[in-house]
Amino acid sequence: MAAEQSAPPEIRPEDEVPVSTPVPGTRPEPTLAREGEDKPDSAVVRDALGVGIAVGLSGFAFGVTSAGSGLTLLQTCALSLLVFTGASQFALVGALAAGGNPFTAAAGAFFLGVRNAFYGLRLSQLLALPRAVRPFAAQWVIDETTAVTLAQPTRRAARIGFTVTGLTLYVLWNLTTLAGAIGAEAIGDTDAWGLDAASPAVFLALLAPMLTTATERITAGLAVLLALGSLPVLPAGVPVLMAALAAPLVLFLKGRANAAKGREARTDGRTTSREIPAESSETRTTRHENTTRGRTKSESADGNFEKGAGR
């Protein structure tokens, strides 16, 4: 009887899985969010404008604080134009307002701004901007532009989000800085109006949303304790540098805790393996005899079957 061959199943177009083939000489587009997710350009622009406007208005507080710390209008505006990273700017003018050494204040601001370099390493891969544009885009690599960029599903949306957020925030931050500095000069004594508290208040408002894990909260709390504890005995501006020691200390303690958990897990594994009783020699001998008997019976049954078939 001829064997029937079944026809291969028909593959419908909707069953085919699309495969994207990378073009030679280009980078594959990274997946920034869930695959298949699409976001209209208008939605990206709306989100980016919301972040840029909300944060850009806080430049007014920086202008007031900077003018109150003794910086001139030109110096205040130059900080926003050239430095353009809110936390570092507030740390610098805050240390100067407390009577700290300018070099110490600049060192604290520098260490706060180092994080932007790590943001740049990540964004350079996601945005893949031309080399001629990267030096100008680096000026806009801050917390807000990084957050908006990483929230986008495609490279096109990431570039739009980064550009709109950076442009809106840069323009508005500098305009409100100018307005705040001019307003502070018109007010005169900013301390009499309580505006000396604007710097730490805005700094905490920028920092609080970033503390999303228990480790980050513990690090922030330890930094506060180090800063407050060293404030009475160290010159102004140095407690900010002391607070930076909280991060490596927490990482060291967390690493030791993880290592201890790893050792406990390995110890539990070895203990479990020891509790499993080893097979004795008598058991192995009995099992071998049973196997041999079973094999002999099987061979005998096969021989009887062949004799019966021959008859």
Protein backbone atom coordinates (compact mmCIF):
# COMPACT_ATOMS: atom_id res chain seq x y z
CA MET A 1 0.00 0.00 0.00
CA ALA A 2 1.43 3.29 -1.08
CA ALA A 3 2.10 5.71 1.68
CA GLU A 4 0.06 8.86 1.55
CA GLN A 5 1.97 12.14 1.75
CA SER A 6 0.21 14.97 3.54
CA ALA A 7 0.45 18.37 1.88
CA PRO A 8 2.34 21.00 3.87
CA PRO A 9 0.06 23.39 5.75
CA GLU A 10 -0.70 26.62 3.97
CA ILE A 11 0.90 29.67 5.60
CA ARG A 12 -1.38 32.66 5.55
CA PRO A 13 0.10 36.18 5.37
CA GLU A 14 -1.30 37.09 8.78
CA ASP A 15 0.55 34.10 10.34
CA GLU A 16 3.94 35.21 9.14
CA VAL A 17 6.21 36.82 11.72
CA PRO A 18 7.85 39.98 10.41
CA VAL A 19 11.60 39.98 10.67
CA SER A 20 13.50 43.24 10.50
CA THR A 21 16.74 43.03 8.58
CA PRO A 22 19.32 45.60 9.63
CA VAL A 23 20.71 47.75 6.85
CA PRO A 24 24.50 47.34 6.49
CA GLY A 25 26.42 50.25 7.93
CA THR A 26 23.63 51.36 10.28
CA ARG A 27 22.91 50.65 13.93
CA PRO A 28 19.82 48.64 14.84
CA GLU A 29 17.21 50.84 16.47
CA PRO A 30 17.14 50.09 20.23
CA THR A 31 13.95 49.18 21.99
CA LEU A 32 13.34 51.92 24.56
CA ALA A 33 9.97 50.66 25.70
CA ARG A 34 7.80 47.65 24.95
CA GLU A 35 8.03 46.30 21.43
CA GLY A 36 5.13 47.13 19.17
CA GLU A 37 4.25 50.22 21.15
CA ASP A 38 3.82 53.35 19.07
CA LYS A 39 3.45 56.90 20.34
CA PRO A 40 2.29 59.85 18.23
CA ASP A 41 4.68 62.75 17.84
CA SER A 42 2.09 65.11 19.31
CA ALA A 43 1.98 63.07 22.53
CA VAL A 44 5.77 63.15 22.81
CA VAL A 45 5.82 66.93 22.29
CA ARG A 46 3.05 67.40 24.86
CA ASP A 47 4.91 65.40 27.52
CA ALA A 48 8.20 67.12 26.77
CA LEU A 49 6.63 70.59 26.98
CA GLY A 50 5.02 69.71 30.30
CA VAL A 51 8.35 68.73 31.84
CA GLY A 52 10.23 71.66 30.31
CA ILE A 53 7.75 74.29 31.46
CA ALA A 54 7.26 72.84 34.95
CA VAL A 55 10.99 72.65 35.71
CA GLY A 56 11.95 75.75 33.76
CA LEU A 57 9.89 77.97 36.04
CA SER A 58 12.12 77.04 38.98
CA GLY A 59 14.88 79.10 37.37
CA PHE A 60 13.23 82.11 39.01
CA ALA A 61 14.13 80.68 42.42
CA PHE A 62 17.72 80.19 41.31
CA GLY A 63 17.96 83.78 40.08
CA VAL A 64 16.71 85.08 43.41
CA THR A 65 19.01 82.80 45.43
CA SER A 66 22.04 83.58 43.30
CA ALA A 67 21.53 87.33 43.59
CA GLY A 68 20.99 86.96 47.33
CA SER A 69 24.29 85.08 47.69
CA GLY A 70 26.23 88.03 46.30
CA LEU A 71 26.62 87.11 42.65
CA THR A 72 26.05 89.82 40.08
CA LEU A 73 23.41 89.74 37.38
CA LEU A 74 26.00 88.79 34.76
CA GLN A 75 27.46 85.99 36.90
CA THR A 76 24.00 84.59 37.65
CA CYS A 77 22.98 84.51 34.00
CA ALA A 78 26.35 83.05 32.97
CA LEU A 79 25.84 80.12 35.36
CA SER A 80 22.50 79.24 33.79
CA LEU A 81 23.80 79.67 30.25
CA LEU A 82 27.02 77.70 30.65
CA VAL A 83 26.47 75.27 33.53
CA PHE A 84 22.75 74.54 33.02
CA THR A 85 22.25 71.88 35.68
CA GLY A 86 19.94 72.98 38.43
CA ALA A 87 21.24 70.90 41.34
CA SER A 88 24.84 71.96 40.78
CA GLN A 89 23.88 75.60 40.41
CA PHE A 90 21.86 75.58 43.63
CA ALA A 91 24.68 73.79 45.48
CA LEU A 92 27.19 76.39 44.29
CA VAL A 93 25.20 79.48 45.26
CA GLY A 94 24.03 77.83 48.48
CA ALA A 95 27.62 77.26 49.60
CA LEU A 96 28.58 80.79 48.63
CA ALA A 97 25.60 82.21 50.51
CA ALA A 98 26.75 80.34 53.62
CA GLY A 99 30.15 82.00 53.38
CA GLY A 100 31.99 79.01 51.91
CA ASN A 101 35.18 79.10 49.91
CA PRO A 102 34.50 79.51 46.15
CA PHE A 103 36.77 76.56 45.28
CA THR A 104 35.03 74.31 47.80
CA ALA A 105 31.63 75.39 46.50
CA ALA A 106 32.74 74.73 42.91
CA ALA A 107 34.02 71.26 43.88
CA GLY A 108 30.67 70.32 45.40
CA ALA A 109 28.85 71.53 42.31
CA PHE A 110 31.23 69.58 40.09
CA PHE A 111 30.63 66.29 41.91
CA LEU A 112 26.88 66.77 41.61
CA GLY A 113 27.23 67.38 37.88
CA VAL A 114 29.29 64.23 37.22
CA ARG A 115 26.08 62.21 36.96
CA ASN A 116 25.31 63.93 33.65
CA ALA A 117 28.37 62.26 32.12
CA PHE A 118 26.84 58.84 32.84
CA TYR A 119 23.54 60.02 31.36
CA GLY A 120 25.44 60.96 28.22
CA LEU A 121 26.90 57.47 27.83
CA ARG A 122 23.42 56.01 27.73
CA LEU A 123 21.79 58.69 25.57
CA SER A 124 24.55 58.59 22.98
CA GLN A 125 23.55 55.02 22.13
CA LEU A 126 19.82 55.66 22.13
CA LEU A 127 19.81 58.90 20.13
CA ALA A 128 22.71 58.09 17.76
CA LEU A 129 23.11 61.75 16.81
CA PRO A 130 25.63 62.87 14.16
CA ARG A 131 29.08 63.66 15.54
CA ALA A 132 28.79 67.33 14.62
CA VAL A 133 25.64 67.70 16.75
CA ARG A 134 26.81 65.81 19.84
CA PRO A 135 28.84 68.64 21.46
CA PHE A 136 25.79 70.92 21.33
CA ALA A 137 23.40 68.20 22.52
CA ALA A 138 25.69 67.47 25.47
CA GLN A 139 24.71 70.83 26.97
CA TRP A 140 21.14 69.54 27.32
CA VAL A 141 22.00 66.20 28.97
CA ILE A 142 20.37 66.64 32.38
CA ASP A 143 17.93 64.74 34.60
CA GLU A 144 14.77 65.91 32.85
CA THR A 145 15.87 65.30 29.26
CA THR A 146 17.19 61.87 30.20
CA ALA A 147 13.92 60.89 31.87
CA VAL A 148 11.81 62.00 28.89
CA THR A 149 14.14 60.29 26.39
CA LEU A 150 14.19 56.93 28.17
CA ALA A 151 10.38 56.90 28.36
CA GLN A 152 9.97 56.85 24.56
CA PRO A 153 9.34 53.66 22.54
CA THR A 154 11.32 54.49 19.39
CA ARG A 155 14.44 56.39 18.40
CA ARG A 156 12.39 58.99 16.55
CA ALA A 157 10.24 59.65 19.62
CA ALA A 158 13.36 59.74 21.81
CA ARG A 159 14.98 62.38 19.60
CA ILE A 160 11.82 64.49 19.61
CA GLY A 161 11.44 64.21 23.37
CA PHE A 162 15.08 65.08 24.00
CA THR A 163 15.04 68.08 21.65
CA VAL A 164 11.75 69.58 22.81
CA THR A 165 12.53 69.09 26.50
CA GLY A 166 16.05 70.46 26.20
CA LEU A 167 15.07 73.48 24.11
CA THR A 168 12.05 74.40 26.25
CA LEU A 169 13.89 73.96 29.52
CA TYR A 170 17.03 75.79 28.39
CA VAL A 171 15.16 78.85 27.10
CA LEU A 172 12.71 79.06 30.00
CA TRP A 173 15.36 78.38 32.66
CA ASN A 174 17.53 81.24 31.43
CA LEU A 175 14.62 83.65 31.07
CA THR A 176 13.34 82.94 34.59
CA THR A 177 16.88 83.16 35.96
CA LEU A 178 17.16 86.65 34.50
CA ALA A 179 13.76 87.61 35.89
CA GLY A 180 14.61 86.25 39.34
CA ALA A 181 17.95 88.05 39.50
CA ILE A 182 16.40 91.37 38.43
CA GLY A 183 13.57 90.88 40.92
CA ALA A 184 16.00 90.13 43.74
CA GLU A 185 17.92 93.32 43.02
CA ALA A 186 14.67 95.27 43.13
CA ILE A 187 13.62 93.62 46.42
CA GLY A 188 16.93 94.29 48.09
CA ASP A 189 17.34 92.12 51.19
CA THR A 190 16.12 88.67 50.11
CA ASP A 191 16.57 87.23 53.60
CA ALA A 192 13.93 89.59 54.94
CA TRP A 193 11.41 88.00 52.54
CA GLY A 194 12.45 84.45 53.44
CA LEU A 195 13.82 83.82 49.96
CA ASP A 196 17.00 82.32 51.40
CA ALA A 197 14.99 79.11 51.84
CA ALA A 198 14.23 78.92 48.12
CA SER A 199 17.46 77.13 47.30
CA PRO A 200 17.09 74.12 49.63
CA ALA A 201 13.34 73.92 48.96
CA VAL A 202 13.78 73.68 45.19
CA PHE A 203 16.72 71.30 45.60
CA LEU A 204 14.59 68.94 47.70
CA ALA A 205 11.75 69.22 45.18
CA LEU A 206 14.11 68.10 42.40
CA LEU A 207 15.62 65.31 44.49
CA ALA A 208 12.53 63.74 46.08
CA PRO A 209 11.03 62.18 42.90
CA MET A 210 14.34 60.44 42.16
CA LEU A 211 14.35 58.45 45.43
CA THR A 212 12.37 55.44 44.20
CA THR A 213 14.10 52.54 45.98
CA ALA A 214 14.91 51.77 49.60
CA THR A 215 18.64 51.94 48.87
CA GLU A 216 18.31 55.44 47.43
CA ARG A 217 16.27 56.62 50.42
CA ILE A 218 18.79 55.19 52.87
CA THR A 219 21.61 56.88 50.96
CA ALA A 220 19.80 60.22 51.04
CA GLY A 221 19.07 59.91 54.76
CA LEU A 222 22.68 59.04 55.54
CA ALA A 223 23.86 61.99 53.43
CA VAL A 224 21.64 64.31 55.47
CA LEU A 225 23.07 62.96 58.72
CA LEU A 226 26.66 63.38 57.49
CA ALA A 227 26.00 66.93 56.33
CA LEU A 228 24.25 67.99 59.54
CA GLY A 229 26.80 66.27 61.74
CA SER A 230 29.77 67.93 60.05
CA LEU A 231 28.13 71.34 59.71
CA PRO A 232 29.18 72.70 63.15
CA VAL A 233 32.83 71.60 62.84
CA LEU A 234 33.69 72.03 59.15
CA PRO A 235 33.90 75.16 56.97
CA ALA A 236 30.92 76.09 54.82
CA GLY A 237 30.72 74.02 51.65
CA VAL A 238 32.69 71.06 53.03
CA PRO A 239 29.61 69.32 54.56
CA VAL A 240 28.26 68.94 51.02
CA LEU A 241 31.38 66.98 50.10
CA MET A 242 31.06 64.91 53.27
CA ALA A 243 27.49 64.00 52.31
CA ALA A 244 28.81 62.48 49.07
CA LEU A 245 30.50 59.75 51.15
CA ALA A 246 27.07 58.26 51.83
CA ALA A 247 26.87 56.65 48.39
CA PRO A 248 30.05 54.50 48.52
CA LEU A 249 29.33 53.60 52.14
CA VAL A 250 25.86 52.28 51.34
CA LEU A 251 27.14 50.41 48.29
CA PHE A 252 29.87 48.80 50.40
CA LEU A 253 27.40 47.64 53.06
CA LYS A 254 24.96 46.39 50.42
CA GLY A 255 27.75 44.43 48.71
CA ARG A 256 28.71 42.76 51.99
CA ALA A 257 25.08 41.86 52.66
CA ASN A 258 24.71 40.30 49.19
CA ALA A 259 27.95 38.36 49.66
CA ALA A 260 26.73 37.01 53.02
CA LYS A 261 23.47 35.87 51.42
CA GLY A 262 25.44 34.11 48.68
CA ARG A 263 27.55 32.25 51.23
CA GLU A 264 24.44 31.17 53.14
CA ALA A 265 22.85 29.88 49.95
CA ARG A 266 25.95 27.84 49.08
CA THR A 267 26.11 26.46 52.63
CA ASP A 268 22.45 25.42 52.50
CA GLY A 269 23.08 23.67 49.18
CA ARG A 270 25.99 21.67 50.55
CA THR A 271 24.01 20.72 53.67
CA THR A 272 21.11 19.46 51.59
CA SER A 273 23.39 17.32 49.44
CA ARG A 274 24.95 15.76 52.54
CA GLU A 275 21.55 14.87 54.01
CA ILE A 276 20.73 12.65 50.99
CA PRO A 277 21.82 9.11 52.06
CA ALA A 278 24.36 7.42 49.81
CA GLU A 279 23.43 4.09 48.20
CA SER A 280 25.01 1.20 50.10
CA SER A 281 26.94 -1.60 48.43
CA GLU A 282 24.24 -4.13 49.41
CA THR A 283 21.59 -2.04 47.74
CA ARG A 284 23.66 -1.75 44.58
CA THR A 285 24.25 -5.56 44.56
CA THR A 286 20.53 -6.30 45.01
CA ARG A 287 19.57 -3.84 42.28
CA HIS A 288 22.13 -5.42 39.91
CA GLU A 289 20.79 -8.94 40.61
CA ASN A 290 17.20 -7.83 39.99
CA THR A 291 18.23 -6.23 36.72
CA THR A 292 20.06 -9.40 35.61
CA ARG A 293 17.09 -11.62 36.47
CA GLY A 294 14.72 -9.36 34.58
CA ARG A 295 16.97 -9.40 31.53
CA THR A 296 17.21 -13.24 31.63
CA LYS A 297 13.44 -13.63 31.84
CA SER A 298 12.98 -11.26 28.93
CA GLU A 299 15.44 -13.21 26.75
CA SER A 300 13.73 -16.48 27.65
CA ALA A 301 10.33 -15.10 26.74
CA ASP A 302 11.66 -13.89 23.38
CA GLY A 303 13.08 -17.37 22.60
CA ASN A 304 9.78 -19.08 23.37
CA PHE A 305 7.96 -16.59 21.17
CA GLU A 306 10.28 -17.34 18.25
CA LYS A 307 9.82 -21.12 18.64
CA GLY A 308 6.05 -20.71 18.64
CA ALA A 309 6.20 -18.57 15.55
CA GLY A 310 8.34 -21.22 13.79
CA ARG A 311 5.68 -23.85 14.38
